[in-house]
Amino acid sequence: MKHFIILIEYKVPLEEIVKLTDAHRAHLQKGYKKGMLLLSGPQIPRTGGLVIGKCNDKEELETFFSEDPYFIHSCAEYRYIEFTPKSHQDFLSEWISE
């Protein structure tokens, strides 16, 4: 598995984002259920969001996020940063090694 930080940057005013936030979070839940996502949340200030995830390759992530309401409505851009975890809390060992 490859590990990624996904940076989400909003392209529209926050008022437009707020309208889609519940649907966006429901979409992310699909990734959590698959074991693909570890954590997610809005940036401070709220100009975008951050997700940490894992999958077979970047294309799998791009496909997943292409179904995100923020993407569908052209409200956000996504940046995928692959990294290799070297150090982590013990409770993450299973998630990282899967």
N, C-alpha and C. Protein backbone atom coordinates (compact mmCIF):
# COMPACT_ATOMS: atom_id res chain seq x y z
N MET A 1 0.83 -1.19 0.00
CA MET A 1 0.00 0.00 0.00
C MET A 1 0.87 1.25 0.00
N LYS A 2 0.37 2.26 -0.66
CA LYS A 2 1.04 3.56 -0.68
C LYS A 2 0.24 4.51 0.22
N HIS A 3 0.95 5.42 0.84
CA HIS A 3 0.33 6.37 1.77
C HIS A 3 0.37 7.77 1.18
N PHE A 4 -0.69 8.53 1.45
CA PHE A 4 -0.83 9.85 0.86
C PHE A 4 -1.39 10.86 1.85
N ILE A 5 -0.95 12.08 1.67
CA ILE A 5 -1.63 13.24 2.25
C ILE A 5 -2.39 13.86 1.09
N ILE A 6 -3.65 14.11 1.30
CA ILE A 6 -4.47 14.74 0.27
C ILE A 6 -4.82 16.13 0.77
N LEU A 7 -4.35 17.14 0.07
CA LEU A 7 -4.68 18.52 0.41
C LEU A 7 -5.83 18.96 -0.48
N ILE A 8 -6.87 19.46 0.15
CA ILE A 8 -8.04 19.95 -0.57
C ILE A 8 -8.06 21.46 -0.41
N GLU A 9 -8.09 22.17 -1.51
CA GLU A 9 -8.12 23.64 -1.50
C GLU A 9 -9.44 24.10 -2.13
N TYR A 10 -10.18 24.90 -1.40
CA TYR A 10 -11.45 25.40 -1.91
C TYR A 10 -11.23 26.43 -3.01
N LYS A 11 -12.07 26.37 -4.04
CA LYS A 11 -12.00 27.31 -5.17
C LYS A 11 -13.18 28.27 -5.17
N VAL A 12 -14.09 28.10 -4.22
CA VAL A 12 -15.31 28.92 -4.16
C VAL A 12 -15.46 29.46 -2.75
N PRO A 13 -16.32 30.46 -2.56
CA PRO A 13 -16.54 30.99 -1.21
C PRO A 13 -17.03 29.91 -0.24
N LEU A 14 -16.71 30.08 1.01
CA LEU A 14 -17.05 29.12 2.05
C LEU A 14 -18.56 28.83 2.10
N GLU A 15 -19.36 29.79 1.76
CA GLU A 15 -20.82 29.59 1.77
C GLU A 15 -21.22 28.45 0.83
N GLU A 16 -20.53 28.33 -0.29
CA GLU A 16 -20.80 27.24 -1.24
C GLU A 16 -20.32 25.90 -0.69
N ILE A 17 -19.19 25.93 -0.02
CA ILE A 17 -18.63 24.71 0.59
C ILE A 17 -19.57 24.18 1.66
N VAL A 18 -20.08 25.07 2.51
CA VAL A 18 -20.95 24.67 3.62
C VAL A 18 -22.17 23.91 3.11
N LYS A 19 -22.70 24.30 1.96
CA LYS A 19 -23.86 23.62 1.39
C LYS A 19 -23.56 22.16 1.05
N LEU A 20 -22.31 21.85 0.76
CA LEU A 20 -21.92 20.50 0.33
C LEU A 20 -21.19 19.70 1.40
N THR A 21 -20.95 20.30 2.56
CA THR A 21 -20.11 19.65 3.57
C THR A 21 -20.68 18.32 4.05
N ASP A 22 -21.97 18.25 4.32
CA ASP A 22 -22.54 16.98 4.79
C ASP A 22 -22.37 15.88 3.75
N ALA A 23 -22.62 16.20 2.49
CA ALA A 23 -22.46 15.22 1.41
C ALA A 23 -20.99 14.82 1.25
N HIS A 24 -20.09 15.79 1.39
CA HIS A 24 -18.64 15.52 1.32
C HIS A 24 -18.23 14.55 2.43
N ARG A 25 -18.69 14.81 3.64
CA ARG A 25 -18.33 13.95 4.77
C ARG A 25 -18.95 12.56 4.63
N ALA A 26 -20.14 12.48 4.07
CA ALA A 26 -20.76 11.17 3.81
C ALA A 26 -19.92 10.39 2.79
N HIS A 27 -19.40 11.09 1.80
CA HIS A 27 -18.52 10.44 0.82
C HIS A 27 -17.26 9.93 1.50
N LEU A 28 -16.65 10.74 2.36
CA LEU A 28 -15.45 10.30 3.05
C LEU A 28 -15.70 9.05 3.88
N GLN A 29 -16.90 8.93 4.44
CA GLN A 29 -17.22 7.75 5.25
C GLN A 29 -17.07 6.47 4.44
N LYS A 30 -17.34 6.53 3.15
CA LYS A 30 -17.15 5.36 2.28
C LYS A 30 -15.68 4.93 2.29
N GLY A 31 -14.78 5.92 2.28
CA GLY A 31 -13.35 5.63 2.34
C GLY A 31 -12.92 5.07 3.67
N TYR A 32 -13.54 5.55 4.76
CA TYR A 32 -13.24 5.01 6.09
C TYR A 32 -13.70 3.56 6.18
N LYS A 33 -14.88 3.27 5.65
CA LYS A 33 -15.40 1.90 5.71
C LYS A 33 -14.53 0.93 4.92
N LYS A 34 -13.91 1.40 3.84
CA LYS A 34 -13.01 0.57 3.03
C LYS A 34 -11.63 0.41 3.67
N GLY A 35 -11.35 1.19 4.73
CA GLY A 35 -10.03 1.17 5.34
C GLY A 35 -9.03 2.02 4.59
N MET A 36 -9.51 2.83 3.66
CA MET A 36 -8.66 3.66 2.81
C MET A 36 -8.22 4.96 3.52
N LEU A 37 -9.04 5.48 4.41
CA LEU A 37 -8.76 6.76 5.05
C LEU A 37 -8.45 6.57 6.53
N LEU A 38 -7.52 7.38 7.02
CA LEU A 38 -7.15 7.35 8.44
C LEU A 38 -7.75 8.53 9.19
N LEU A 39 -7.67 9.71 8.61
CA LEU A 39 -8.23 10.89 9.26
C LEU A 39 -8.45 11.98 8.23
N SER A 40 -9.31 12.93 8.61
CA SER A 40 -9.60 14.05 7.73
C SER A 40 -10.13 15.20 8.56
N GLY A 41 -10.05 16.40 8.02
CA GLY A 41 -10.60 17.56 8.71
C GLY A 41 -10.29 18.84 7.97
N PRO A 42 -11.01 19.90 8.34
CA PRO A 42 -10.80 21.19 7.69
C PRO A 42 -9.51 21.86 8.15
N GLN A 43 -8.94 22.64 7.25
CA GLN A 43 -7.78 23.46 7.60
C GLN A 43 -8.25 24.64 8.44
N ILE A 44 -7.32 25.22 9.19
CA ILE A 44 -7.60 26.44 9.96
C ILE A 44 -6.62 27.50 9.50
N PRO A 45 -7.07 28.60 8.92
CA PRO A 45 -8.47 28.94 8.66
C PRO A 45 -9.06 28.01 7.61
N ARG A 46 -10.37 28.01 7.50
CA ARG A 46 -11.08 27.04 6.65
C ARG A 46 -10.99 27.42 5.17
N THR A 47 -9.82 27.12 4.60
CA THR A 47 -9.57 27.37 3.18
C THR A 47 -9.50 26.07 2.39
N GLY A 48 -9.69 24.96 3.09
CA GLY A 48 -9.60 23.64 2.48
C GLY A 48 -9.59 22.59 3.55
N GLY A 49 -9.13 21.41 3.18
CA GLY A 49 -9.09 20.31 4.13
C GLY A 49 -7.87 19.45 3.90
N LEU A 50 -7.69 18.48 4.79
CA LEU A 50 -6.57 17.56 4.73
C LEU A 50 -7.08 16.16 5.02
N VAL A 51 -6.57 15.20 4.28
CA VAL A 51 -6.93 13.79 4.47
C VAL A 51 -5.65 12.98 4.46
N ILE A 52 -5.56 11.98 5.31
CA ILE A 52 -4.47 11.02 5.25
C ILE A 52 -5.10 9.69 4.87
N GLY A 53 -4.55 9.08 3.82
CA GLY A 53 -5.12 7.84 3.33
C GLY A 53 -4.07 6.91 2.76
N LYS A 54 -4.55 5.73 2.37
CA LYS A 54 -3.67 4.74 1.75
C LYS A 54 -4.47 4.00 0.68
N CYS A 55 -3.77 3.54 -0.33
CA CYS A 55 -4.40 2.76 -1.39
C CYS A 55 -3.29 2.16 -2.25
N ASN A 56 -3.69 1.48 -3.30
CA ASN A 56 -2.71 0.82 -4.17
C ASN A 56 -1.89 1.81 -4.98
N ASP A 57 -2.52 2.90 -5.43
CA ASP A 57 -1.82 3.90 -6.24
C ASP A 57 -2.61 5.21 -6.25
N LYS A 58 -1.97 6.23 -6.75
CA LYS A 58 -2.58 7.56 -6.81
C LYS A 58 -3.87 7.55 -7.62
N GLU A 59 -3.91 6.77 -8.69
CA GLU A 59 -5.09 6.73 -9.54
C GLU A 59 -6.32 6.25 -8.78
N GLU A 60 -6.12 5.31 -7.86
CA GLU A 60 -7.24 4.83 -7.04
C GLU A 60 -7.80 5.96 -6.18
N LEU A 61 -6.91 6.76 -5.62
CA LEU A 61 -7.34 7.92 -4.84
C LEU A 61 -8.06 8.94 -5.71
N GLU A 62 -7.51 9.22 -6.87
CA GLU A 62 -8.12 10.18 -7.78
C GLU A 62 -9.53 9.73 -8.17
N THR A 63 -9.69 8.45 -8.40
CA THR A 63 -11.02 7.92 -8.72
C THR A 63 -11.97 8.10 -7.55
N PHE A 64 -11.51 7.78 -6.35
CA PHE A 64 -12.34 7.96 -5.16
C PHE A 64 -12.77 9.42 -5.00
N PHE A 65 -11.83 10.34 -5.09
CA PHE A 65 -12.15 11.75 -4.88
C PHE A 65 -12.88 12.38 -6.07
N SER A 66 -12.88 11.73 -7.22
CA SER A 66 -13.66 12.24 -8.35
C SER A 66 -15.16 12.11 -8.09
N GLU A 67 -15.52 11.31 -7.09
CA GLU A 67 -16.92 11.15 -6.70
C GLU A 67 -17.29 12.02 -5.49
N ASP A 68 -16.36 12.81 -5.02
CA ASP A 68 -16.59 13.72 -3.89
C ASP A 68 -17.45 14.90 -4.38
N PRO A 69 -18.50 15.25 -3.64
CA PRO A 69 -19.33 16.38 -4.05
C PRO A 69 -18.55 17.68 -4.28
N TYR A 70 -17.49 17.93 -3.53
CA TYR A 70 -16.68 19.12 -3.77
C TYR A 70 -16.10 19.09 -5.18
N PHE A 71 -15.64 17.92 -5.61
CA PHE A 71 -15.07 17.77 -6.94
C PHE A 71 -16.16 17.84 -8.01
N ILE A 72 -17.24 17.12 -7.81
CA ILE A 72 -18.33 17.08 -8.78
C ILE A 72 -18.85 18.48 -9.09
N HIS A 73 -18.92 19.33 -8.07
CA HIS A 73 -19.45 20.69 -8.24
C HIS A 73 -18.35 21.72 -8.49
N SER A 74 -17.13 21.26 -8.79
CA SER A 74 -15.99 22.13 -9.11
C SER A 74 -15.71 23.15 -8.01
N CYS A 75 -15.83 22.71 -6.77
CA CYS A 75 -15.62 23.61 -5.63
C CYS A 75 -14.24 23.49 -5.00
N ALA A 76 -13.48 22.46 -5.38
CA ALA A 76 -12.18 22.25 -4.75
C ALA A 76 -11.20 21.61 -5.71
N GLU A 77 -9.92 21.82 -5.41
CA GLU A 77 -8.82 21.17 -6.11
C GLU A 77 -8.14 20.24 -5.12
N TYR A 78 -7.57 19.16 -5.62
CA TYR A 78 -6.96 18.14 -4.78
C TYR A 78 -5.50 17.97 -5.15
N ARG A 79 -4.67 17.88 -4.14
CA ARG A 79 -3.24 17.63 -4.34
C ARG A 79 -2.88 16.37 -3.57
N TYR A 80 -2.26 15.41 -4.25
CA TYR A 80 -1.93 14.11 -3.67
C TYR A 80 -0.43 14.04 -3.43
N ILE A 81 -0.04 13.88 -2.19
CA ILE A 81 1.37 13.83 -1.82
C ILE A 81 1.66 12.44 -1.26
N GLU A 82 2.42 11.65 -2.00
CA GLU A 82 2.77 10.31 -1.53
C GLU A 82 3.94 10.42 -0.55
N PHE A 83 3.88 9.61 0.51
CA PHE A 83 4.97 9.59 1.47
C PHE A 83 5.13 8.17 2.03
N THR A 84 6.26 7.92 2.65
CA THR A 84 6.54 6.63 3.27
C THR A 84 6.61 6.82 4.78
N PRO A 85 5.65 6.27 5.53
CA PRO A 85 5.71 6.39 6.98
C PRO A 85 6.95 5.67 7.54
N LYS A 86 7.71 6.36 8.32
CA LYS A 86 8.90 5.77 8.94
C LYS A 86 8.74 5.66 10.45
N SER A 87 8.08 6.63 11.05
CA SER A 87 7.84 6.63 12.49
C SER A 87 6.36 6.88 12.72
N HIS A 88 5.82 6.26 13.76
CA HIS A 88 4.40 6.42 14.05
C HIS A 88 4.09 5.94 15.46
N GLN A 89 2.93 6.32 15.94
CA GLN A 89 2.45 5.81 17.22
C GLN A 89 2.18 4.31 17.07
N ASP A 90 2.39 3.55 18.14
CA ASP A 90 2.20 2.10 18.09
C ASP A 90 0.80 1.70 17.65
N PHE A 91 -0.21 2.48 18.03
CA PHE A 91 -1.58 2.10 17.70
C PHE A 91 -1.86 2.18 16.20
N LEU A 92 -0.96 2.78 15.42
CA LEU A 92 -1.13 2.86 13.97
C LEU A 92 -0.44 1.72 13.22
N SER A 93 0.26 0.87 13.92
CA SER A 93 1.06 -0.17 13.27
C SER A 93 0.24 -1.02 12.31
N GLU A 94 -0.91 -1.48 12.73
CA GLU A 94 -1.73 -2.35 11.87
C GLU A 94 -2.20 -1.61 10.63
N TRP A 95 -2.68 -0.38 10.79
CA TRP A 95 -3.19 0.40 9.65
C TRP A 95 -2.07 0.65 8.64
N ILE A 96 -0.91 0.99 9.13
CA ILE A 96 0.21 1.30 8.23
C ILE A 96 0.72 0.07 7.52
N SER A 97 0.76 -1.07 8.21
CA SER A 97 1.34 -2.26 7.60
C SER A 97 0.40 -3.03 6.70
N GLU A 98 -0.89 -2.72 6.72
CA GLU A 98 -1.85 -3.44 5.86
C GLU A 98 -1.58 -3.17 4.40
